[in-house]
Amino acid sequence: MAQPQRLSFGIKTTQYIPYAEIMRIWQEAEDYPAIEHAWLFDHLFAPWASPINASLVYALAYLALWLGLMWLLDRRGIRLTV
């Protein structure tokens, strides 16, 4: 019998506040065991780029991830139909 999936909670901070403020929010969230994760954008892209550029790089990385997955499925002959 399959195990029921457990509900998890995360946080998504806005990209239009200073990085120091984002870090403060993440550190406060670590005190709450119910909050298990923060989103990828906040961890990888916001720290090193301006908000508009970080948003663009995130979108391109997301697109590259899906294109890579679809290429891999195509190379293996796996077709998904809806």
C-alpha atoms as a PDB file:
ATOM      1  CA  MET A   1       0.000   0.000   0.000  1.00  0.00           C
ATOM      2  CA  ALA A   2       1.337   3.421  -0.951  1.00  0.00           C
ATOM      3  CA  GLN A   3       2.214   5.823   1.811  1.00  0.00           C
ATOM      4  CA  PRO A   4       0.074   8.969   1.844  1.00  0.00           C
ATOM      5  CA  GLN A   5       2.005  12.056   0.891  1.00  0.00           C
ATOM      6  CA  ARG A   6       2.680  14.491   3.675  1.00  0.00           C
ATOM      7  CA  LEU A   7       1.769  18.141   3.245  1.00  0.00           C
ATOM      8  CA  SER A   8       4.763  20.473   3.464  1.00  0.00           C
ATOM      9  CA  PHE A   9       5.020  24.237   3.692  1.00  0.00           C
ATOM     10  CA  GLY A  10       7.597  26.626   2.323  1.00  0.00           C
ATOM     11  CA  ILE A  11       8.101  30.344   1.938  1.00  0.00           C
ATOM     12  CA  LYS A  12       8.525  32.583  -1.074  1.00  0.00           C
ATOM     13  CA  THR A  13       9.952  35.974  -0.296  1.00  0.00           C
ATOM     14  CA  THR A  14       9.522  38.853  -2.685  1.00  0.00           C
ATOM     15  CA  GLN A  15      12.380  39.736  -4.968  1.00  0.00           C
ATOM     16  CA  TYR A  16      11.949  43.469  -4.522  1.00  0.00           C
ATOM     17  CA  ILE A  17      13.447  43.876  -1.056  1.00  0.00           C
ATOM     18  CA  PRO A  18      17.129  44.004  -0.097  1.00  0.00           C
ATOM     19  CA  TYR A  19      18.919  40.663   0.228  1.00  0.00           C
ATOM     20  CA  ALA A  20      19.706  41.361   3.901  1.00  0.00           C
ATOM     21  CA  GLU A  21      15.966  41.561   4.589  1.00  0.00           C
ATOM     22  CA  ILE A  22      15.379  38.272   2.728  1.00  0.00           C
ATOM     23  CA  MET A  23      18.069  36.620   4.863  1.00  0.00           C
ATOM     24  CA  ARG A  24      16.427  37.931   8.035  1.00  0.00           C
ATOM     25  CA  ILE A  25      13.086  36.436   6.973  1.00  0.00           C
ATOM     26  CA  TRP A  26      14.712  33.060   6.145  1.00  0.00           C
ATOM     27  CA  GLN A  27      16.461  32.987   9.516  1.00  0.00           C
ATOM     28  CA  GLU A  28      13.200  33.701  11.329  1.00  0.00           C
ATOM     29  CA  ALA A  29      11.461  30.991   9.292  1.00  0.00           C
ATOM     30  CA  GLU A  30      14.042  28.430  10.455  1.00  0.00           C
ATOM     31  CA  ASP A  31      12.542  28.721  13.961  1.00  0.00           C
ATOM     32  CA  TYR A  32       9.263  27.232  12.695  1.00  0.00           C
ATOM     33  CA  PRO A  33       9.501  23.481  12.050  1.00  0.00           C
ATOM     34  CA  ALA A  34       6.429  23.580   9.774  1.00  0.00           C
ATOM     35  CA  ILE A  35       8.326  25.669   7.192  1.00  0.00           C
ATOM     36  CA  GLU A  36      10.525  23.180   5.403  1.00  0.00           C
ATOM     37  CA  HIS A  37      11.910  25.039   2.396  1.00  0.00           C
ATOM     38  CA  ALA A  38      12.437  28.316   0.642  1.00  0.00           C
ATOM     39  CA  TRP A  39      12.092  28.660  -3.090  1.00  0.00           C
ATOM     40  CA  LEU A  40      14.931  28.293  -5.565  1.00  0.00           C
ATOM     41  CA  PHE A  41      14.764  31.878  -6.796  1.00  0.00           C
ATOM     42  CA  ASP A  42      15.489  33.192  -3.321  1.00  0.00           C
ATOM     43  CA  HIS A  43      18.480  30.944  -2.768  1.00  0.00           C
ATOM     44  CA  LEU A  44      20.239  30.955  -6.118  1.00  0.00           C
ATOM     45  CA  PHE A  45      19.329  33.979  -8.178  1.00  0.00           C
ATOM     46  CA  ALA A  46      18.384  36.857  -5.871  1.00  0.00           C
ATOM     47  CA  PRO A  47      21.749  37.101  -4.065  1.00  0.00           C
ATOM     48  CA  TRP A  48      23.877  37.891  -7.123  1.00  0.00           C
ATOM     49  CA  ALA A  49      21.689  39.843  -9.532  1.00  0.00           C
ATOM     50  CA  SER A  50      19.341  42.794  -9.548  1.00  0.00           C
ATOM     51  CA  PRO A  51      15.679  41.787  -9.171  1.00  0.00           C
ATOM     52  CA  ILE A  52      14.847  42.152 -12.866  1.00  0.00           C
ATOM     53  CA  ASN A  53      17.965  40.259 -14.012  1.00  0.00           C
ATOM     54  CA  ALA A  54      17.539  37.576 -11.353  1.00  0.00           C
ATOM     55  CA  SER A  55      13.968  37.060 -12.522  1.00  0.00           C
ATOM     56  CA  LEU A  56      15.133  36.714 -16.127  1.00  0.00           C
ATOM     57  CA  VAL A  57      17.897  34.255 -15.228  1.00  0.00           C
ATOM     58  CA  TYR A  58      15.434  32.218 -13.154  1.00  0.00           C
ATOM     59  CA  ALA A  59      13.016  32.040 -16.089  1.00  0.00           C
ATOM     60  CA  LEU A  60      15.795  30.974 -18.476  1.00  0.00           C
ATOM     61  CA  ALA A  61      17.058  28.330 -16.040  1.00  0.00           C
ATOM     62  CA  TYR A  62      13.509  26.992 -15.602  1.00  0.00           C
ATOM     63  CA  LEU A  63      13.085  26.811 -19.373  1.00  0.00           C
ATOM     64  CA  ALA A  64      16.469  25.093 -19.791  1.00  0.00           C
ATOM     65  CA  LEU A  65      15.541  22.520 -17.159  1.00  0.00           C
ATOM     66  CA  TRP A  66      12.327  21.570 -18.979  1.00  0.00           C
ATOM     67  CA  LEU A  67      13.977  21.577 -22.400  1.00  0.00           C
ATOM     68  CA  GLY A  68      16.694  19.289 -21.047  1.00  0.00           C
ATOM     69  CA  LEU A  69      14.122  16.934 -19.567  1.00  0.00           C
ATOM     70  CA  MET A  70      12.111  16.837 -22.807  1.00  0.00           C
ATOM     71  CA  TRP A  71      15.311  16.223 -24.838  1.00  0.00           C
ATOM     72  CA  LEU A  72      16.220  13.324 -22.552  1.00  0.00           C
ATOM     73  CA  LEU A  73      12.765  11.785 -22.848  1.00  0.00           C
ATOM     74  CA  ASP A  74      12.863  12.191 -26.634  1.00  0.00           C
ATOM     75  CA  ARG A  75      16.308  10.562 -26.891  1.00  0.00           C
ATOM     76  CA  ARG A  76      15.012   7.555 -24.958  1.00  0.00           C
ATOM     77  CA  GLY A  77      11.876   7.331 -27.075  1.00  0.00           C
ATOM     78  CA  ILE A  78       9.530   8.097 -24.190  1.00  0.00           C
ATOM     79  CA  ARG A  79       6.368   9.836 -25.331  1.00  0.00           C
ATOM     80  CA  LEU A  80       3.827  11.452 -23.031  1.00  0.00           C
ATOM     81  CA  THR A  81       0.293  11.758 -24.320  1.00  0.00           C
ATOM     82  CA  VAL A  82      -2.595  13.606 -22.790  1.00  0.00           C
END
